[in-house]
PDB file of all heavy atoms in Angstrom:
ATOM      1  N   PHE A   1      15.237   6.236   3.032  1.00  0.00           N
ATOM      2  CA  PHE A   1      15.238   5.369   1.856  1.00  0.00           C
ATOM      3  C   PHE A   1      14.806   3.979   2.261  1.00  0.00           C
ATOM      4  O   PHE A   1      15.663   3.129   2.549  1.00  0.00           O
ATOM      5  CB  PHE A   1      16.619   5.318   1.201  1.00  0.00           C
ATOM      6  CG  PHE A   1      17.085   6.559   0.556  1.00  0.00           C
ATOM      7  CD1 PHE A   1      17.607   7.593   1.290  1.00  0.00           C
ATOM      8  CD2 PHE A   1      17.037   6.693  -0.841  1.00  0.00           C
ATOM      9  CE1 PHE A   1      18.083   8.733   0.701  1.00  0.00           C
ATOM     10  CE2 PHE A   1      17.510   7.854  -1.445  1.00  0.00           C
ATOM     11  CZ  PHE A   1      18.004   8.889  -0.678  1.00  0.00           C
ATOM     12  N   PRO A   2      13.487   3.635   2.316  1.00  0.00           N
ATOM     13  CA  PRO A   2      13.117   2.264   2.652  1.00  0.00           C
ATOM     14  C   PRO A   2      13.413   1.255   1.589  1.00  0.00           C
ATOM     15  O   PRO A   2      13.720   0.097   1.852  1.00  0.00           O
ATOM     16  CB  PRO A   2      11.616   2.392   2.916  1.00  0.00           C
ATOM     17  CG  PRO A   2      11.195   3.540   2.101  1.00  0.00           C
ATOM     18  CD  PRO A   2      12.358   4.524   2.097  1.00  0.00           C
ATOM     19  N   SER A   3      13.334   1.706   0.304  1.00  0.00           N
ATOM     20  CA  SER A   3      13.593   0.849  -0.840  1.00  0.00           C
ATOM     21  C   SER A   3      14.755   1.429  -1.629  1.00  0.00           C
ATOM     22  O   SER A   3      14.704   2.583  -2.015  1.00  0.00           O
ATOM     23  CB  SER A   3      12.350   0.734  -1.740  1.00  0.00           C
ATOM     24  OG  SER A   3      12.575  -0.064  -2.864  1.00  0.00           O
ATOM     25  N   ILE A   4      15.819   0.669  -1.763  1.00  0.00           N
ATOM     26  CA  ILE A   4      17.048   1.187  -2.339  1.00  0.00           C
ATOM     27  C   ILE A   4      17.414   0.416  -3.612  1.00  0.00           C
ATOM     28  O   ILE A   4      17.645  -0.799  -3.570  1.00  0.00           O
ATOM     29  CB  ILE A   4      18.223   1.111  -1.318  1.00  0.00           C
ATOM     30  CG1 ILE A   4      17.836   1.865  -0.057  1.00  0.00           C
ATOM     31  CG2 ILE A   4      19.515   1.702  -1.936  1.00  0.00           C
ATOM     32  CD1 ILE A   4      18.800   1.603   1.084  1.00  0.00           C
ATOM     33  N   GLY A   5      17.507   1.131  -4.695  1.00  0.00           N
ATOM     34  CA  GLY A   5      17.933   0.514  -5.983  1.00  0.00           C
ATOM     35  C   GLY A   5      19.145   1.258  -6.552  1.00  0.00           C
ATOM     36  O   GLY A   5      20.087   1.566  -5.815  1.00  0.00           O
ATOM     37  N   CYS A   6      19.092   1.574  -7.815  1.00  0.00           N
ATOM     38  CA  CYS A   6      20.175   2.336  -8.445  1.00  0.00           C
ATOM     39  C   CYS A   6      20.105   3.800  -7.942  1.00  0.00           C
ATOM     40  O   CYS A   6      19.011   4.335  -7.756  1.00  0.00           O
ATOM     41  CB  CYS A   6      20.038   2.295  -9.960  1.00  0.00           C
ATOM     42  SG  CYS A   6      20.359   0.640 -10.665  1.00  0.00           S
ATOM     43  N   GLU A   7      21.226   4.398  -7.805  1.00  0.00           N
ATOM     44  CA  GLU A   7      21.316   5.788  -7.278  1.00  0.00           C
ATOM     45  C   GLU A   7      20.526   6.785  -8.103  1.00  0.00           C
ATOM     46  O   GLU A   7      19.782   7.625  -7.531  1.00  0.00           O
ATOM     47  CB  GLU A   7      22.782   6.201  -7.152  1.00  0.00           C
ATOM     48  CG  GLU A   7      23.003   7.520  -6.412  1.00  0.00           C
ATOM     49  CD  GLU A   7      22.854   8.719  -7.345  1.00  0.00           C
ATOM     50  OE1 GLU A   7      23.076   8.578  -8.562  1.00  0.00           O
ATOM     51  OE2 GLU A   7      22.521   9.830  -6.854  1.00  0.00           O
ATOM     52  N   PRO A   8      20.588   6.783  -9.440  1.00  0.00           N
ATOM     53  CA  PRO A   8      19.842   7.828 -10.202  1.00  0.00           C
ATOM     54  C   PRO A   8      18.329   7.630 -10.142  1.00  0.00           C
ATOM     55  O   PRO A   8      17.591   8.546 -10.437  1.00  0.00           O
ATOM     56  CB  PRO A   8      20.345   7.645 -11.643  1.00  0.00           C
ATOM     57  CG  PRO A   8      21.567   6.820 -11.538  1.00  0.00           C
ATOM     58  CD  PRO A   8      21.411   5.967 -10.366  1.00  0.00           C
ATOM     59  N   CYS A   9      17.907   6.446  -9.728  1.00  0.00           N
ATOM     60  CA  CYS A   9      16.472   6.098  -9.833  1.00  0.00           C
ATOM     61  C   CYS A   9      15.816   5.911  -8.445  1.00  0.00           C
ATOM     62  O   CYS A   9      14.724   5.401  -8.355  1.00  0.00           O
ATOM     63  CB  CYS A   9      16.302   4.818 -10.624  1.00  0.00           C
ATOM     64  SG  CYS A   9      16.927   4.923 -12.300  1.00  0.00           S
ATOM     65  N   THR A  10      16.471   6.368  -7.378  1.00  0.00           N
ATOM     66  CA  THR A  10      15.957   6.201  -6.036  1.00  0.00           C
ATOM     67  C   THR A  10      16.108   7.502  -5.249  1.00  0.00           C
ATOM     68  O   THR A  10      17.158   8.124  -5.290  1.00  0.00           O
ATOM     69  CB  THR A  10      16.721   5.096  -5.293  1.00  0.00           C
ATOM     70  OG1 THR A  10      16.803   3.918  -6.126  1.00  0.00           O
ATOM     71  CG2 THR A  10      16.019   4.732  -3.984  1.00  0.00           C
ATOM     72  N   ARG A  11      15.057   7.930  -4.599  1.00  0.00           N
ATOM     73  CA  ARG A  11      15.112   9.100  -3.739  1.00  0.00           C
ATOM     74  C   ARG A  11      14.514   8.789  -2.380  1.00  0.00           C
ATOM     75  O   ARG A  11      13.818   7.776  -2.196  1.00  0.00           O
ATOM     76  CB  ARG A  11      14.376  10.283  -4.362  1.00  0.00           C
ATOM     77  CG  ARG A  11      12.877  10.078  -4.517  1.00  0.00           C
ATOM     78  CD  ARG A  11      12.160  11.415  -4.640  1.00  0.00           C
ATOM     79  NE  ARG A  11      10.744  11.288  -4.986  1.00  0.00           N
ATOM     80  CZ  ARG A  11       9.781  10.950  -4.136  1.00  0.00           C
ATOM     81  NH1 ARG A  11      10.055  10.659  -2.890  1.00  0.00           N
ATOM     82  NH2 ARG A  11       8.504  10.905  -4.571  1.00  0.00           N
ATOM     83  N   ALA A  12      14.760   9.629  -1.384  1.00  0.00           N
ATOM     84  CA  ALA A  12      14.140   9.495  -0.078  1.00  0.00           C
ATOM     85  C   ALA A  12      12.635   9.768  -0.196  1.00  0.00           C
ATOM     86  O   ALA A  12      12.185  10.489  -1.067  1.00  0.00           O
ATOM     87  CB  ALA A  12      14.794  10.465   0.916  1.00  0.00           C
ATOM     88  N   LEU A  13      11.882   9.171   0.692  1.00  0.00           N
ATOM     89  CA  LEU A  13      10.444   9.380   0.701  1.00  0.00           C
ATOM     90  C   LEU A  13      10.062  10.759   1.301  1.00  0.00           C
ATOM     91  O   LEU A  13      10.735  11.263   2.190  1.00  0.00           O
ATOM     92  CB  LEU A  13       9.746   8.294   1.517  1.00  0.00           C
ATOM     93  CG  LEU A  13       9.748   6.859   1.012  1.00  0.00           C
ATOM     94  CD1 LEU A  13       8.911   5.966   1.868  1.00  0.00           C
ATOM     95  CD2 LEU A  13       9.312   6.795  -0.443  1.00  0.00           C
ATOM     96  N   LYS A  14       8.947  11.234   0.845  1.00  0.00           N
ATOM     97  CA  LYS A  14       8.310  12.421   1.422  1.00  0.00           C
ATOM     98  C   LYS A  14       7.310  11.954   2.454  1.00  0.00           C
ATOM     99  O   LYS A  14       6.851  10.838   2.423  1.00  0.00           O
ATOM    100  CB  LYS A  14       7.620  13.264   0.334  1.00  0.00           C
ATOM    101  CG  LYS A  14       8.551  13.786  -0.745  1.00  0.00           C
ATOM    102  CD  LYS A  14       7.782  14.460  -1.886  1.00  0.00           C
ATOM    103  CE  LYS A  14       8.732  14.911  -2.964  1.00  0.00           C
ATOM    104  NZ  LYS A  14       7.968  15.527  -4.093  1.00  0.00           N
ATOM    105  N   PRO A  15       6.968  12.806   3.444  1.00  0.00           N
ATOM    106  CA  PRO A  15       6.024  12.414   4.497  1.00  0.00           C
ATOM    107  C   PRO A  15       4.742  11.851   3.912  1.00  0.00           C
ATOM    108  O   PRO A  15       4.152  12.442   3.013  1.00  0.00           O
ATOM    109  CB  PRO A  15       5.794  13.698   5.279  1.00  0.00           C
ATOM    110  CG  PRO A  15       7.047  14.480   5.092  1.00  0.00           C
ATOM    111  CD  PRO A  15       7.492  14.193   3.679  1.00  0.00           C
ATOM    112  N   GLY A  16       4.321  10.684   4.408  1.00  0.00           N
ATOM    113  CA  GLY A  16       3.062  10.096   3.988  1.00  0.00           C
ATOM    114  C   GLY A  16       3.117   9.248   2.738  1.00  0.00           C
ATOM    115  O   GLY A  16       2.147   8.610   2.386  1.00  0.00           O
ATOM    116  N   GLU A  17       4.265   9.163   2.082  1.00  0.00           N
ATOM    117  CA  GLU A  17       4.363   8.363   0.884  1.00  0.00           C
ATOM    118  C   GLU A  17       4.508   6.859   1.214  1.00  0.00           C
ATOM    119  O   GLU A  17       5.121   6.506   2.230  1.00  0.00           O
ATOM    120  CB  GLU A  17       5.560   8.789   0.018  1.00  0.00           C
ATOM    121  CG  GLU A  17       5.374  10.121  -0.690  1.00  0.00           C
ATOM    122  CD  GLU A  17       6.532  10.419  -1.656  1.00  0.00           C
ATOM    123  OE1 GLU A  17       7.665  10.182  -1.303  1.00  0.00           O
ATOM    124  OE2 GLU A  17       6.224  10.921  -2.764  1.00  0.00           O
ATOM    125  N   PRO A  18       3.978   5.982   0.383  1.00  0.00           N
ATOM    126  CA  PRO A  18       4.162   4.543   0.569  1.00  0.00           C
ATOM    127  C   PRO A  18       5.625   4.108   0.340  1.00  0.00           C
ATOM    128  O   PRO A  18       6.411   4.861  -0.279  1.00  0.00           O
ATOM    129  CB  PRO A  18       3.205   3.916  -0.410  1.00  0.00           C
ATOM    130  CG  PRO A  18       3.037   4.919  -1.491  1.00  0.00           C
ATOM    131  CD  PRO A  18       3.127   6.235  -0.832  1.00  0.00           C
ATOM    132  N   GLU A  19       5.898   2.910   0.738  1.00  0.00           N
ATOM    133  CA  GLU A  19       7.267   2.420   0.791  1.00  0.00           C
ATOM    134  C   GLU A  19       8.048   2.534  -0.521  1.00  0.00           C
ATOM    135  O   GLU A  19       9.239   2.861  -0.519  1.00  0.00           O
ATOM    136  CB  GLU A  19       7.257   0.975   1.289  1.00  0.00           C
ATOM    137  CG  GLU A  19       8.636   0.372   1.535  1.00  0.00           C
ATOM    138  CD  GLU A  19       8.509  -0.974   2.247  1.00  0.00           C
ATOM    139  OE1 GLU A  19       7.601  -1.135   3.087  1.00  0.00           O
ATOM    140  OE2 GLU A  19       9.314  -1.876   1.927  1.00  0.00           O
ATOM    141  N   ARG A  20       7.421   2.246  -1.629  1.00  0.00           N
ATOM    142  CA  ARG A  20       8.139   2.206  -2.929  1.00  0.00           C
ATOM    143  C   ARG A  20       7.989   3.439  -3.772  1.00  0.00           C
ATOM    144  O   ARG A  20       8.358   3.446  -4.940  1.00  0.00           O
ATOM    145  CB  ARG A  20       7.731   0.939  -3.696  1.00  0.00           C
ATOM    146  CG  ARG A  20       8.280  -0.342  -3.057  1.00  0.00           C
ATOM    147  CD  ARG A  20       7.899  -1.561  -3.859  1.00  0.00           C
ATOM    148  NE  ARG A  20       8.411  -1.568  -5.217  1.00  0.00           N
ATOM    149  CZ  ARG A  20       9.640  -1.919  -5.571  1.00  0.00           C
ATOM    150  NH1 ARG A  20      10.527  -2.279  -4.648  1.00  0.00           N
ATOM    151  NH2 ARG A  20      10.010  -1.907  -6.836  1.00  0.00           N
ATOM    152  N   ALA A  21       7.431   4.505  -3.191  1.00  0.00           N
ATOM    153  CA  ALA A  21       7.234   5.718  -3.969  1.00  0.00           C
ATOM    154  C   ALA A  21       8.526   6.410  -4.374  1.00  0.00           C
ATOM    155  O   ALA A  21       8.551   7.201  -5.304  1.00  0.00           O
ATOM    156  CB  ALA A  21       6.384   6.722  -3.174  1.00  0.00           C
ATOM    157  N   GLY A  22       9.620   6.096  -3.719  1.00  0.00           N
ATOM    158  CA  GLY A  22      10.892   6.684  -4.049  1.00  0.00           C
ATOM    159  C   GLY A  22      11.616   6.055  -5.241  1.00  0.00           C
ATOM    160  O   GLY A  22      12.710   6.506  -5.582  1.00  0.00           O
ATOM    161  N   ARG A  23      11.043   5.002  -5.792  1.00  0.00           N
ATOM    162  CA  ARG A  23      11.648   4.325  -6.954  1.00  0.00           C
ATOM    163  C   ARG A  23      11.046   4.858  -8.224  1.00  0.00           C
ATOM    164  O   ARG A  23       9.800   4.895  -8.357  1.00  0.00           O
ATOM    165  CB  ARG A  23      11.442   2.833  -6.839  1.00  0.00           C
ATOM    166  CG  ARG A  23      11.965   2.204  -5.528  1.00  0.00           C
ATOM    167  CD  ARG A  23      13.468   2.251  -5.467  1.00  0.00           C
ATOM    168  NE  ARG A  23      14.100   1.413  -6.424  1.00  0.00           N
ATOM    169  CZ  ARG A  23      14.297   0.094  -6.275  1.00  0.00           C
ATOM    170  NH1 ARG A  23      13.895  -0.520  -5.223  1.00  0.00           N
ATOM    171  NH2 ARG A  23      14.882  -0.604  -7.247  1.00  0.00           N
ATOM    172  N   TRP A  24      11.854   5.286  -9.196  1.00  0.00           N
ATOM    173  CA  TRP A  24      11.388   5.800 -10.486  1.00  0.00           C
ATOM    174  C   TRP A  24      10.277   6.864 -10.257  1.00  0.00           C
ATOM    175  O   TRP A  24       9.239   6.846 -10.890  1.00  0.00           O
ATOM    176  CB  TRP A  24      10.879   4.673 -11.354  1.00  0.00           C
ATOM    177  CG  TRP A  24      11.868   3.569 -11.468  1.00  0.00           C
ATOM    178  CD1 TRP A  24      13.080   3.589 -12.147  1.00  0.00           C
ATOM    179  CD2 TRP A  24      11.795   2.277 -10.850  1.00  0.00           C
ATOM    180  NE1 TRP A  24      13.718   2.382 -11.989  1.00  0.00           N
ATOM    181  CE2 TRP A  24      12.973   1.555 -11.204  1.00  0.00           C
ATOM    182  CE3 TRP A  24      10.844   1.643 -10.075  1.00  0.00           C
ATOM    183  CZ2 TRP A  24      13.199   0.259 -10.756  1.00  0.00           C
ATOM    184  CZ3 TRP A  24      11.086   0.346  -9.628  1.00  0.00           C
ATOM    185  CH2 TRP A  24      12.264  -0.321 -10.005  1.00  0.00           C
ATOM    186  N   TRP A  25      10.559   7.773  -9.327  1.00  0.00           N
ATOM    187  CA  TRP A  25       9.554   8.739  -8.844  1.00  0.00           C
ATOM    188  C   TRP A  25       9.021   9.670  -9.919  1.00  0.00           C
ATOM    189  O   TRP A  25       7.927  10.241  -9.782  1.00  0.00           O
ATOM    190  CB  TRP A  25      10.113   9.549  -7.708  1.00  0.00           C
ATOM    191  CG  TRP A  25      11.190  10.483  -8.152  1.00  0.00           C
ATOM    192  CD1 TRP A  25      10.994  11.805  -8.528  1.00  0.00           C
ATOM    193  CD2 TRP A  25      12.547  10.236  -8.353  1.00  0.00           C
ATOM    194  NE1 TRP A  25      12.190  12.352  -8.949  1.00  0.00           N
ATOM    195  CE2 TRP A  25      13.187  11.411  -8.834  1.00  0.00           C
ATOM    196  CE3 TRP A  25      13.368   9.097  -8.130  1.00  0.00           C
ATOM    197  CZ2 TRP A  25      14.532  11.503  -9.101  1.00  0.00           C
ATOM    198  CZ3 TRP A  25      14.705   9.194  -8.404  1.00  0.00           C
ATOM    199  CH2 TRP A  25      15.281  10.373  -8.873  1.00  0.00           C
ATOM    200  N   TRP A  26       9.756   9.857 -11.004  1.00  0.00           N
ATOM    201  CA  TRP A  26       9.300  10.792 -12.051  1.00  0.00           C
ATOM    202  C   TRP A  26       8.227  10.185 -12.938  1.00  0.00           C
ATOM    203  O   TRP A  26       7.618  10.898 -13.731  1.00  0.00           O
ATOM    204  CB  TRP A  26      10.494  11.213 -12.933  1.00  0.00           C
ATOM    205  CG  TRP A  26      11.181  10.074 -13.641  1.00  0.00           C
ATOM    206  CD1 TRP A  26      10.864   9.588 -14.893  1.00  0.00           C
ATOM    207  CD2 TRP A  26      12.221   9.230 -13.157  1.00  0.00           C
ATOM    208  NE1 TRP A  26      11.677   8.523 -15.204  1.00  0.00           N
ATOM    209  CE2 TRP A  26      12.523   8.286 -14.143  1.00  0.00           C
ATOM    210  CE3 TRP A  26      12.949   9.185 -11.963  1.00  0.00           C
ATOM    211  CZ2 TRP A  26      13.474   7.305 -13.992  1.00  0.00           C
ATOM    212  CZ3 TRP A  26      13.927   8.213 -11.798  1.00  0.00           C
ATOM    213  CH2 TRP A  26      14.195   7.279 -12.805  1.00  0.00           C
TER     214      TRP A  26
END
């Protein structure tokens, strides 16, 4: 988790994804 926000809206990155791809990923 390089970028950490609210728990429901943040996930761990998948390989090769940029730093903020885990925020509001849907």
